[in-house]
All heavy atoms as atom14 arrays in JSON, in Angstrom:
{
  "sequence": "PLELPSSEPIVLDGDGAEQFDRAYDAYFAIQKSLAADQTPSPSEL",
  "atom14_mask": [
    [1, 1, 1, 1, 1, 1, 1, 0, 0, 0, 0, 0, 0, 0],
    [1, 1, 1, 1, 1, 1, 1, 1, 0, 0, 0, 0, 0, 0],
    [1, 1, 1, 1, 1, 1, 1, 1, 1, 0, 0, 0, 0, 0],
    [1, 1, 1, 1, 1, 1, 1, 1, 0, 0, 0, 0, 0, 0],
    [1, 1, 1, 1, 1, 1, 1, 0, 0, 0, 0, 0, 0, 0],
    [1, 1, 1, 1, 1, 1, 0, 0, 0, 0, 0, 0, 0, 0],
    [1, 1, 1, 1, 1, 1, 0, 0, 0, 0, 0, 0, 0, 0],
    [1, 1, 1, 1, 1, 1, 1, 1, 1, 0, 0, 0, 0, 0],
    [1, 1, 1, 1, 1, 1, 1, 0, 0, 0, 0, 0, 0, 0],
    [1, 1, 1, 1, 1, 1, 1, 1, 0, 0, 0, 0, 0, 0],
    [1, 1, 1, 1, 1, 1, 1, 0, 0, 0, 0, 0, 0, 0],
    [1, 1, 1, 1, 1, 1, 1, 1, 0, 0, 0, 0, 0, 0],
    [1, 1, 1, 1, 1, 1, 1, 1, 0, 0, 0, 0, 0, 0],
    [1, 1, 1, 1, 0, 0, 0, 0, 0, 0, 0, 0, 0, 0],
    [1, 1, 1, 1, 1, 1, 1, 1, 0, 0, 0, 0, 0, 0],
    [1, 1, 1, 1, 0, 0, 0, 0, 0, 0, 0, 0, 0, 0],
    [1, 1, 1, 1, 1, 0, 0, 0, 0, 0, 0, 0, 0, 0],
    [1, 1, 1, 1, 1, 1, 1, 1, 1, 0, 0, 0, 0, 0],
    [1, 1, 1, 1, 1, 1, 1, 1, 1, 0, 0, 0, 0, 0],
    [1, 1, 1, 1, 1, 1, 1, 1, 1, 1, 1, 0, 0, 0],
    [1, 1, 1, 1, 1, 1, 1, 1, 0, 0, 0, 0, 0, 0],
    [1, 1, 1, 1, 1, 1, 1, 1, 1, 1, 1, 0, 0, 0],
    [1, 1, 1, 1, 1, 0, 0, 0, 0, 0, 0, 0, 0, 0],
    [1, 1, 1, 1, 1, 1, 1, 1, 1, 1, 1, 1, 0, 0],
    [1, 1, 1, 1, 1, 1, 1, 1, 0, 0, 0, 0, 0, 0],
    [1, 1, 1, 1, 1, 0, 0, 0, 0, 0, 0, 0, 0, 0],
    [1, 1, 1, 1, 1, 1, 1, 1, 1, 1, 1, 1, 0, 0],
    [1, 1, 1, 1, 1, 1, 1, 1, 1, 1, 1, 0, 0, 0],
    [1, 1, 1, 1, 1, 0, 0, 0, 0, 0, 0, 0, 0, 0],
    [1, 1, 1, 1, 1, 1, 1, 1, 0, 0, 0, 0, 0, 0],
    [1, 1, 1, 1, 1, 1, 1, 1, 1, 0, 0, 0, 0, 0],
    [1, 1, 1, 1, 1, 1, 1, 1, 1, 0, 0, 0, 0, 0],
    [1, 1, 1, 1, 1, 1, 0, 0, 0, 0, 0, 0, 0, 0],
    [1, 1, 1, 1, 1, 1, 1, 1, 0, 0, 0, 0, 0, 0],
    [1, 1, 1, 1, 1, 0, 0, 0, 0, 0, 0, 0, 0, 0],
    [1, 1, 1, 1, 1, 0, 0, 0, 0, 0, 0, 0, 0, 0],
    [1, 1, 1, 1, 1, 1, 1, 1, 0, 0, 0, 0, 0, 0],
    [1, 1, 1, 1, 1, 1, 1, 1, 1, 0, 0, 0, 0, 0],
    [1, 1, 1, 1, 1, 1, 1, 0, 0, 0, 0, 0, 0, 0],
    [1, 1, 1, 1, 1, 1, 1, 0, 0, 0, 0, 0, 0, 0],
    [1, 1, 1, 1, 1, 1, 0, 0, 0, 0, 0, 0, 0, 0],
    [1, 1, 1, 1, 1, 1, 1, 0, 0, 0, 0, 0, 0, 0],
    [1, 1, 1, 1, 1, 1, 0, 0, 0, 0, 0, 0, 0, 0],
    [1, 1, 1, 1, 1, 1, 1, 1, 1, 0, 0, 0, 0, 0],
    [1, 1, 1, 1, 1, 1, 1, 1, 0, 0, 0, 0, 0, 0]
  ],
  "atom14_positions": [
    [[56.13, -46.62, 187.2], [57.23, -46.35, 188.15], [58.5, -47.06, 187.74], [58.51, -48.06, 187.0], [56.68, -46.89, 189.48], [55.21, -46.99, 189.29], [54.98, -47.26, 187.84], [0.0, 0.0, 0.0], [0.0, 0.0, 0.0], [0.0, 0.0, 0.0], [0.0, 0.0, 0.0], [0.0, 0.0, 0.0], [0.0, 0.0, 0.0], [0.0, 0.0, 0.0]],
    [[59.63, -46.53, 188.18], [60.92, -47.12, 187.9], [60.99, -48.52, 188.51], [60.71, -48.72, 189.7], [62.04, -46.23, 188.51], [63.46, -46.7, 188.27], [63.84, -46.63, 186.79], [64.46, -45.86, 189.11], [0.0, 0.0, 0.0], [0.0, 0.0, 0.0], [0.0, 0.0, 0.0], [0.0, 0.0, 0.0], [0.0, 0.0, 0.0], [0.0, 0.0, 0.0]],
    [[61.37, -49.5, 187.68], [61.46, -50.87, 188.17], [62.76, -51.03, 188.9], [63.83, -50.81, 188.33], [61.35, -51.83, 186.99], [59.99, -51.8, 186.3], [59.9, -52.83, 185.19], [60.87, -53.61, 185.01], [58.86, -52.88, 184.51], [0.0, 0.0, 0.0], [0.0, 0.0, 0.0], [0.0, 0.0, 0.0], [0.0, 0.0, 0.0], [0.0, 0.0, 0.0]],
    [[62.68, -51.51, 190.15], [63.84, -51.68, 190.99], [63.89, -53.13, 191.49], [62.87, -53.74, 191.72], [63.82, -50.74, 192.18], [63.8, -49.23, 191.85], [63.57, -48.44, 193.12], [65.12, -48.82, 191.22], [0.0, 0.0, 0.0], [0.0, 0.0, 0.0], [0.0, 0.0, 0.0], [0.0, 0.0, 0.0], [0.0, 0.0, 0.0], [0.0, 0.0, 0.0]],
    [[65.11, -53.67, 191.67], [65.2, -55.04, 192.21], [64.77, -55.07, 193.66], [64.85, -54.06, 194.38], [66.7, -55.36, 192.04], [67.38, -54.03, 192.02], [66.4, -53.09, 191.34], [0.0, 0.0, 0.0], [0.0, 0.0, 0.0], [0.0, 0.0, 0.0], [0.0, 0.0, 0.0], [0.0, 0.0, 0.0], [0.0, 0.0, 0.0], [0.0, 0.0, 0.0]],
    [[64.34, -56.23, 194.11], [63.87, -56.35, 195.46], [64.92, -56.93, 196.4], [64.6, -57.44, 197.47], [62.63, -57.27, 195.47], [62.94, -58.54, 194.92], [0.0, 0.0, 0.0], [0.0, 0.0, 0.0], [0.0, 0.0, 0.0], [0.0, 0.0, 0.0], [0.0, 0.0, 0.0], [0.0, 0.0, 0.0], [0.0, 0.0, 0.0], [0.0, 0.0, 0.0]],
    [[66.19, -56.84, 196.0], [67.28, -57.37, 196.82], [67.46, -56.53, 198.09], [67.13, -55.33, 198.13], [68.59, -57.4, 196.02], [68.9, -56.11, 195.6], [0.0, 0.0, 0.0], [0.0, 0.0, 0.0], [0.0, 0.0, 0.0], [0.0, 0.0, 0.0], [0.0, 0.0, 0.0], [0.0, 0.0, 0.0], [0.0, 0.0, 0.0], [0.0, 0.0, 0.0]],
    [[68.0, -57.17, 199.12], [68.25, -56.51, 200.39], [69.56, -55.73, 200.34], [70.63, -56.3, 200.09], [68.32, -57.54, 201.52], [68.34, -56.95, 202.9], [66.94, -56.56, 203.4], [65.98, -56.8, 202.69], [66.87, -56.03, 204.51], [0.0, 0.0, 0.0], [0.0, 0.0, 0.0], [0.0, 0.0, 0.0], [0.0, 0.0, 0.0], [0.0, 0.0, 0.0]],
    [[69.53, -54.4, 200.5], [70.79, -53.63, 200.45], [71.63, -53.82, 201.71], [71.11, -54.2, 202.77], [70.27, -52.2, 200.33], [68.94, -52.19, 200.98], [68.34, -53.54, 200.72], [0.0, 0.0, 0.0], [0.0, 0.0, 0.0], [0.0, 0.0, 0.0], [0.0, 0.0, 0.0], [0.0, 0.0, 0.0], [0.0, 0.0, 0.0], [0.0, 0.0, 0.0]],
    [[72.91, -53.59, 201.55], [73.78, -53.63, 202.71], [73.76, -52.29, 203.39], [73.43, -51.24, 202.8], [75.24, -53.98, 202.31], [75.81, -52.91, 201.42], [75.28, -55.34, 201.62], [77.3, -53.09, 201.12], [0.0, 0.0, 0.0], [0.0, 0.0, 0.0], [0.0, 0.0, 0.0], [0.0, 0.0, 0.0], [0.0, 0.0, 0.0], [0.0, 0.0, 0.0]],
    [[74.09, -52.24, 204.67], [74.12, -51.02, 205.48], [75.57, -50.71, 205.82], [76.26, -51.52, 206.44], [73.26, -51.14, 206.72], [73.31, -49.86, 207.53], [71.83, -51.48, 206.37], [0.0, 0.0, 0.0], [0.0, 0.0, 0.0], [0.0, 0.0, 0.0], [0.0, 0.0, 0.0], [0.0, 0.0, 0.0], [0.0, 0.0, 0.0], [0.0, 0.0, 0.0]],
    [[76.02, -49.53, 205.44], [77.38, -49.1, 205.74], [77.52, -48.7, 207.19], [76.52, -48.46, 207.9], [77.78, -47.94, 204.83], [77.71, -48.17, 203.33], [78.0, -46.86, 202.58], [78.72, -49.22, 202.89], [0.0, 0.0, 0.0], [0.0, 0.0, 0.0], [0.0, 0.0, 0.0], [0.0, 0.0, 0.0], [0.0, 0.0, 0.0], [0.0, 0.0, 0.0]],
    [[78.74, -48.59, 207.64], [79.01, -48.04, 208.95], [80.19, -47.1, 208.85], [80.85, -47.01, 207.83], [79.26, -49.16, 210.0], [80.45, -50.04, 209.6], [81.12, -49.7, 208.59], [80.69, -51.08, 210.26], [0.0, 0.0, 0.0], [0.0, 0.0, 0.0], [0.0, 0.0, 0.0], [0.0, 0.0, 0.0], [0.0, 0.0, 0.0], [0.0, 0.0, 0.0]],
    [[80.43, -46.35, 209.91], [81.54, -45.42, 209.94], [81.32, -44.23, 209.02], [80.22, -43.76, 208.83], [0.0, 0.0, 0.0], [0.0, 0.0, 0.0], [0.0, 0.0, 0.0], [0.0, 0.0, 0.0], [0.0, 0.0, 0.0], [0.0, 0.0, 0.0], [0.0, 0.0, 0.0], [0.0, 0.0, 0.0], [0.0, 0.0, 0.0], [0.0, 0.0, 0.0]],
    [[82.44, -43.73, 208.44], [82.39, -42.57, 207.57], [81.52, -42.81, 206.34], [80.84, -41.89, 205.84], [83.8, -42.16, 207.15], [84.62, -41.67, 208.34], [84.0, -41.28, 209.34], [85.85, -41.7, 208.26], [0.0, 0.0, 0.0], [0.0, 0.0, 0.0], [0.0, 0.0, 0.0], [0.0, 0.0, 0.0], [0.0, 0.0, 0.0], [0.0, 0.0, 0.0]],
    [[81.55, -44.04, 205.77], [80.77, -44.33, 204.62], [79.26, -44.13, 204.85], [78.55, -43.58, 204.01], [0.0, 0.0, 0.0], [0.0, 0.0, 0.0], [0.0, 0.0, 0.0], [0.0, 0.0, 0.0], [0.0, 0.0, 0.0], [0.0, 0.0, 0.0], [0.0, 0.0, 0.0], [0.0, 0.0, 0.0], [0.0, 0.0, 0.0], [0.0, 0.0, 0.0]],
    [[78.78, -44.58, 206.02], [77.37, -44.38, 206.33], [77.02, -42.94, 206.48], [75.98, -42.47, 206.05], [77.05, -45.17, 207.61], [0.0, 0.0, 0.0], [0.0, 0.0, 0.0], [0.0, 0.0, 0.0], [0.0, 0.0, 0.0], [0.0, 0.0, 0.0], [0.0, 0.0, 0.0], [0.0, 0.0, 0.0], [0.0, 0.0, 0.0], [0.0, 0.0, 0.0]],
    [[77.91, -42.17, 207.15], [77.63, -40.73, 207.31], [77.59, -40.0, 205.96], [76.74, -39.13, 205.74], [78.72, -40.12, 208.22], [78.66, -40.63, 209.66], [79.73, -40.02, 210.51], [80.46, -39.12, 209.99], [79.84, -40.36, 211.7], [0.0, 0.0, 0.0], [0.0, 0.0, 0.0], [0.0, 0.0, 0.0], [0.0, 0.0, 0.0], [0.0, 0.0, 0.0]],
    [[78.53, -40.34, 205.08], [78.54, -39.69, 203.73], [77.27, -40.04, 202.97], [76.7, -39.18, 202.29], [79.78, -40.13, 202.96], [81.09, -39.56, 203.46], [81.16, -38.04, 203.27], [80.38, -37.48, 202.53], [82.07, -37.37, 203.95], [0.0, 0.0, 0.0], [0.0, 0.0, 0.0], [0.0, 0.0, 0.0], [0.0, 0.0, 0.0], [0.0, 0.0, 0.0]],
    [[76.84, -41.31, 203.07], [75.65, -41.72, 202.34], [74.43, -40.97, 202.84], [73.63, -40.44, 202.06], [75.46, -43.24, 202.5], [74.49, -43.83, 201.51], [74.9, -44.31, 200.32], [73.12, -43.88, 201.82], [74.0, -44.83, 199.4], [72.23, -44.41, 200.93], [72.66, -44.9, 199.72], [0.0, 0.0, 0.0], [0.0, 0.0, 0.0], [0.0, 0.0, 0.0]],
    [[74.25, -40.9, 204.16], [73.1, -40.19, 204.72], [73.2, -38.71, 204.42], [72.19, -38.04, 204.24], [73.02, -40.45, 206.22], [72.6, -41.85, 206.56], [71.96, -42.51, 205.68], [72.9, -42.36, 207.67], [0.0, 0.0, 0.0], [0.0, 0.0, 0.0], [0.0, 0.0, 0.0], [0.0, 0.0, 0.0], [0.0, 0.0, 0.0], [0.0, 0.0, 0.0]],
    [[74.41, -38.15, 204.43], [74.56, -36.72, 204.13], [74.14, -36.43, 202.67], [73.49, -35.42, 202.42], [76.03, -36.34, 204.34], [76.26, -34.82, 204.29], [77.7, -34.45, 204.59], [78.04, -34.81, 205.94], [78.95, -35.73, 206.27], [79.6, -36.38, 205.3], [79.22, -36.03, 207.52], [0.0, 0.0, 0.0], [0.0, 0.0, 0.0], [0.0, 0.0, 0.0]],
    [[74.47, -37.33, 201.78], [74.06, -37.14, 200.38], [72.56, -37.17, 200.25], [71.94, -36.34, 199.55], [74.72, -38.2, 199.49], [0.0, 0.0, 0.0], [0.0, 0.0, 0.0], [0.0, 0.0, 0.0], [0.0, 0.0, 0.0], [0.0, 0.0, 0.0], [0.0, 0.0, 0.0], [0.0, 0.0, 0.0], [0.0, 0.0, 0.0], [0.0, 0.0, 0.0]],
    [[71.9, -38.13, 200.89], [70.44, -38.26, 200.75], [69.7, -37.15, 201.52], [68.61, -36.74, 201.11], [70.0, -39.65, 201.19], [70.19, -40.66, 200.1], [71.48, -41.06, 199.71], [69.13, -41.21, 199.43], [71.68, -41.95, 198.7], [69.3, -42.15, 198.42], [70.58, -42.52, 198.06], [70.77, -43.42, 197.02], [0.0, 0.0, 0.0], [0.0, 0.0, 0.0]],
    [[70.29, -36.66, 202.61], [69.7, -35.49, 203.29], [69.7, -34.27, 202.36], [68.71, -33.49, 202.31], [70.45, -35.17, 204.58], [70.16, -36.22, 205.68], [69.17, -36.95, 205.54], [70.98, -36.32, 206.62], [0.0, 0.0, 0.0], [0.0, 0.0, 0.0], [0.0, 0.0, 0.0], [0.0, 0.0, 0.0], [0.0, 0.0, 0.0], [0.0, 0.0, 0.0]],
    [[70.81, -34.08, 201.63], [70.84, -32.95, 200.67], [69.81, -33.16, 199.56], [69.16, -32.24, 199.09], [72.26, -32.83, 200.08], [0.0, 0.0, 0.0], [0.0, 0.0, 0.0], [0.0, 0.0, 0.0], [0.0, 0.0, 0.0], [0.0, 0.0, 0.0], [0.0, 0.0, 0.0], [0.0, 0.0, 0.0], [0.0, 0.0, 0.0], [0.0, 0.0, 0.0]],
    [[69.65, -34.42, 199.12], [68.63, -34.72, 198.1], [67.24, -34.39, 198.63], [66.42, -33.81, 197.91], [68.72, -36.2, 197.71], [67.57, -36.67, 196.87], [67.57, -36.53, 195.5], [66.48, -37.27, 197.47], [66.5, -36.97, 194.73], [65.38, -37.7, 196.72], [65.41, -37.55, 195.36], [64.34, -37.98, 194.61], [0.0, 0.0, 0.0], [0.0, 0.0, 0.0]],
    [[66.95, -34.77, 199.87], [65.63, -34.49, 200.44], [65.36, -33.0, 200.53], [64.25, -32.53, 200.31], [65.5, -35.11, 201.82], [65.57, -36.63, 201.8], [66.16, -37.33, 202.88], [65.04, -37.35, 200.75], [66.25, -38.7, 202.83], [65.13, -38.74, 200.72], [65.73, -39.41, 201.77], [0.0, 0.0, 0.0], [0.0, 0.0, 0.0], [0.0, 0.0, 0.0]],
    [[66.41, -32.2, 200.84], [66.25, -30.75, 200.92], [65.94, -30.18, 199.51], [65.12, -29.28, 199.4], [67.53, -30.13, 201.47], [0.0, 0.0, 0.0], [0.0, 0.0, 0.0], [0.0, 0.0, 0.0], [0.0, 0.0, 0.0], [0.0, 0.0, 0.0], [0.0, 0.0, 0.0], [0.0, 0.0, 0.0], [0.0, 0.0, 0.0], [0.0, 0.0, 0.0]],
    [[66.57, -30.71, 198.49], [66.27, -30.28, 197.12], [64.86, -30.63, 196.74], [64.13, -29.84, 196.12], [67.3, -30.87, 196.14], [68.71, -30.34, 196.45], [66.91, -30.6, 194.69], [69.81, -31.01, 195.66], [0.0, 0.0, 0.0], [0.0, 0.0, 0.0], [0.0, 0.0, 0.0], [0.0, 0.0, 0.0], [0.0, 0.0, 0.0], [0.0, 0.0, 0.0]],
    [[64.42, -31.82, 197.13], [63.06, -32.27, 196.81], [62.03, -31.36, 197.47], [61.02, -31.01, 196.87], [62.88, -33.73, 197.25], [61.52, -34.31, 196.98], [60.61, -34.26, 198.21], [61.07, -34.29, 199.35], [59.31, -34.13, 197.96], [0.0, 0.0, 0.0], [0.0, 0.0, 0.0], [0.0, 0.0, 0.0], [0.0, 0.0, 0.0], [0.0, 0.0, 0.0]],
    [[62.26, -30.98, 198.69], [61.31, -30.09, 199.39], [61.27, -28.7, 198.74], [60.22, -28.09, 198.64], [61.7, -29.98, 200.87], [61.44, -31.24, 201.68], [61.86, -31.06, 203.12], [61.62, -32.32, 203.93], [62.04, -32.16, 205.35], [0.0, 0.0, 0.0], [0.0, 0.0, 0.0], [0.0, 0.0, 0.0], [0.0, 0.0, 0.0], [0.0, 0.0, 0.0]],
    [[62.43, -28.23, 198.31], [62.46, -26.92, 197.66], [61.65, -26.92, 196.37], [60.87, -26.0, 196.09], [63.9, -26.5, 197.37], [64.66, -26.38, 198.58], [0.0, 0.0, 0.0], [0.0, 0.0, 0.0], [0.0, 0.0, 0.0], [0.0, 0.0, 0.0], [0.0, 0.0, 0.0], [0.0, 0.0, 0.0], [0.0, 0.0, 0.0], [0.0, 0.0, 0.0]],
    [[61.8, -27.94, 195.57], [61.05, -28.03, 194.31], [59.56, -28.16, 194.57], [58.75, -27.61, 193.86], [61.54, -29.2, 193.48], [63.01, -29.11, 192.98], [63.4, -30.37, 192.25], [63.18, -27.91, 192.07], [0.0, 0.0, 0.0], [0.0, 0.0, 0.0], [0.0, 0.0, 0.0], [0.0, 0.0, 0.0], [0.0, 0.0, 0.0], [0.0, 0.0, 0.0]],
    [[59.2, -28.93, 195.61], [57.78, -29.05, 195.94], [57.18, -27.73, 196.39], [55.99, -27.49, 196.24], [57.59, -30.12, 197.02], [0.0, 0.0, 0.0], [0.0, 0.0, 0.0], [0.0, 0.0, 0.0], [0.0, 0.0, 0.0], [0.0, 0.0, 0.0], [0.0, 0.0, 0.0], [0.0, 0.0, 0.0], [0.0, 0.0, 0.0], [0.0, 0.0, 0.0]],
    [[58.02, -26.86, 196.96], [57.57, -25.56, 197.4], [57.71, -24.48, 196.33], [57.62, -23.29, 196.63], [58.35, -25.13, 198.67], [0.0, 0.0, 0.0], [0.0, 0.0, 0.0], [0.0, 0.0, 0.0], [0.0, 0.0, 0.0], [0.0, 0.0, 0.0], [0.0, 0.0, 0.0], [0.0, 0.0, 0.0], [0.0, 0.0, 0.0], [0.0, 0.0, 0.0]],
    [[57.94, -24.92, 195.09], [58.12, -23.99, 193.95], [59.3, -23.04, 194.18], [59.24, -21.88, 193.75], [56.83, -23.22, 193.71], [55.67, -24.07, 193.26], [55.96, -25.1, 192.59], [54.53, -23.79, 193.59], [0.0, 0.0, 0.0], [0.0, 0.0, 0.0], [0.0, 0.0, 0.0], [0.0, 0.0, 0.0], [0.0, 0.0, 0.0], [0.0, 0.0, 0.0]],
    [[60.34, -23.55, 194.77], [61.55, -22.74, 195.01], [62.76, -23.47, 194.39], [62.86, -24.69, 194.47], [61.8, -22.55, 196.51], [60.69, -21.78, 197.2], [60.94, -21.69, 198.71], [61.9, -22.26, 199.24], [60.06, -20.97, 199.41], [0.0, 0.0, 0.0], [0.0, 0.0, 0.0], [0.0, 0.0, 0.0], [0.0, 0.0, 0.0], [0.0, 0.0, 0.0]],
    [[63.64, -22.72, 193.79], [64.85, -23.34, 193.26], [65.75, -23.73, 194.41], [65.9, -22.99, 195.4], [65.6, -22.35, 192.35], [65.89, -21.14, 193.06], [64.76, -22.03, 191.1], [0.0, 0.0, 0.0], [0.0, 0.0, 0.0], [0.0, 0.0, 0.0], [0.0, 0.0, 0.0], [0.0, 0.0, 0.0], [0.0, 0.0, 0.0], [0.0, 0.0, 0.0]],
    [[66.38, -24.9, 194.34], [67.26, -25.34, 195.45], [68.4, -24.37, 195.67], [68.92, -23.75, 194.74], [67.76, -26.71, 194.96], [66.75, -27.16, 193.97], [66.26, -25.91, 193.28], [0.0, 0.0, 0.0], [0.0, 0.0, 0.0], [0.0, 0.0, 0.0], [0.0, 0.0, 0.0], [0.0, 0.0, 0.0], [0.0, 0.0, 0.0], [0.0, 0.0, 0.0]],
    [[68.81, -24.25, 196.91], [69.9, -23.32, 197.24], [71.23, -23.9, 196.74], [71.42, -25.11, 196.7], [69.98, -23.11, 198.74], [70.31, -24.33, 199.42], [0.0, 0.0, 0.0], [0.0, 0.0, 0.0], [0.0, 0.0, 0.0], [0.0, 0.0, 0.0], [0.0, 0.0, 0.0], [0.0, 0.0, 0.0], [0.0, 0.0, 0.0], [0.0, 0.0, 0.0]],
    [[72.16, -23.03, 196.35], [73.47, -23.51, 195.89], [74.2, -24.34, 196.95], [74.94, -25.28, 196.6], [74.23, -22.24, 195.56], [73.18, -21.22, 195.29], [72.02, -21.56, 196.19], [0.0, 0.0, 0.0], [0.0, 0.0, 0.0], [0.0, 0.0, 0.0], [0.0, 0.0, 0.0], [0.0, 0.0, 0.0], [0.0, 0.0, 0.0], [0.0, 0.0, 0.0]],
    [[73.97, -24.03, 198.23], [74.66, -24.79, 199.27], [74.2, -26.25, 199.3], [75.03, -27.17, 199.48], [74.4, -24.12, 200.65], [73.01, -24.14, 200.92], [0.0, 0.0, 0.0], [0.0, 0.0, 0.0], [0.0, 0.0, 0.0], [0.0, 0.0, 0.0], [0.0, 0.0, 0.0], [0.0, 0.0, 0.0], [0.0, 0.0, 0.0], [0.0, 0.0, 0.0]],
    [[72.9, -26.5, 199.1], [72.39, -27.87, 199.09], [72.92, -28.61, 197.87], [73.28, -29.78, 197.96], [70.88, -27.88, 199.13], [70.27, -27.32, 200.4], [70.67, -28.13, 201.63], [71.02, -29.3, 201.48], [70.6, -27.59, 202.75], [0.0, 0.0, 0.0], [0.0, 0.0, 0.0], [0.0, 0.0, 0.0], [0.0, 0.0, 0.0], [0.0, 0.0, 0.0]],
    [[72.97, -27.93, 196.73], [73.48, -28.57, 195.53], [74.98, -28.91, 195.71], [75.42, -30.0, 195.29], [73.3, -27.65, 194.34], [71.87, -27.35, 193.89], [71.88, -26.3, 192.79], [71.18, -28.61, 193.39], [0.0, 0.0, 0.0], [0.0, 0.0, 0.0], [0.0, 0.0, 0.0], [0.0, 0.0, 0.0], [0.0, 0.0, 0.0], [0.0, 0.0, 0.0]]
  ]
}
């Protein structure tokens, strides 16, 4: 597995937090599409 540091990340607030969660929600949608043997939709990309 990818070796990652065990440091505690900071938590954003405001617009930065929303943009971060929006990016990872799109990533999760792409992950589900690949697991279902489907190419990710252009909108999610």
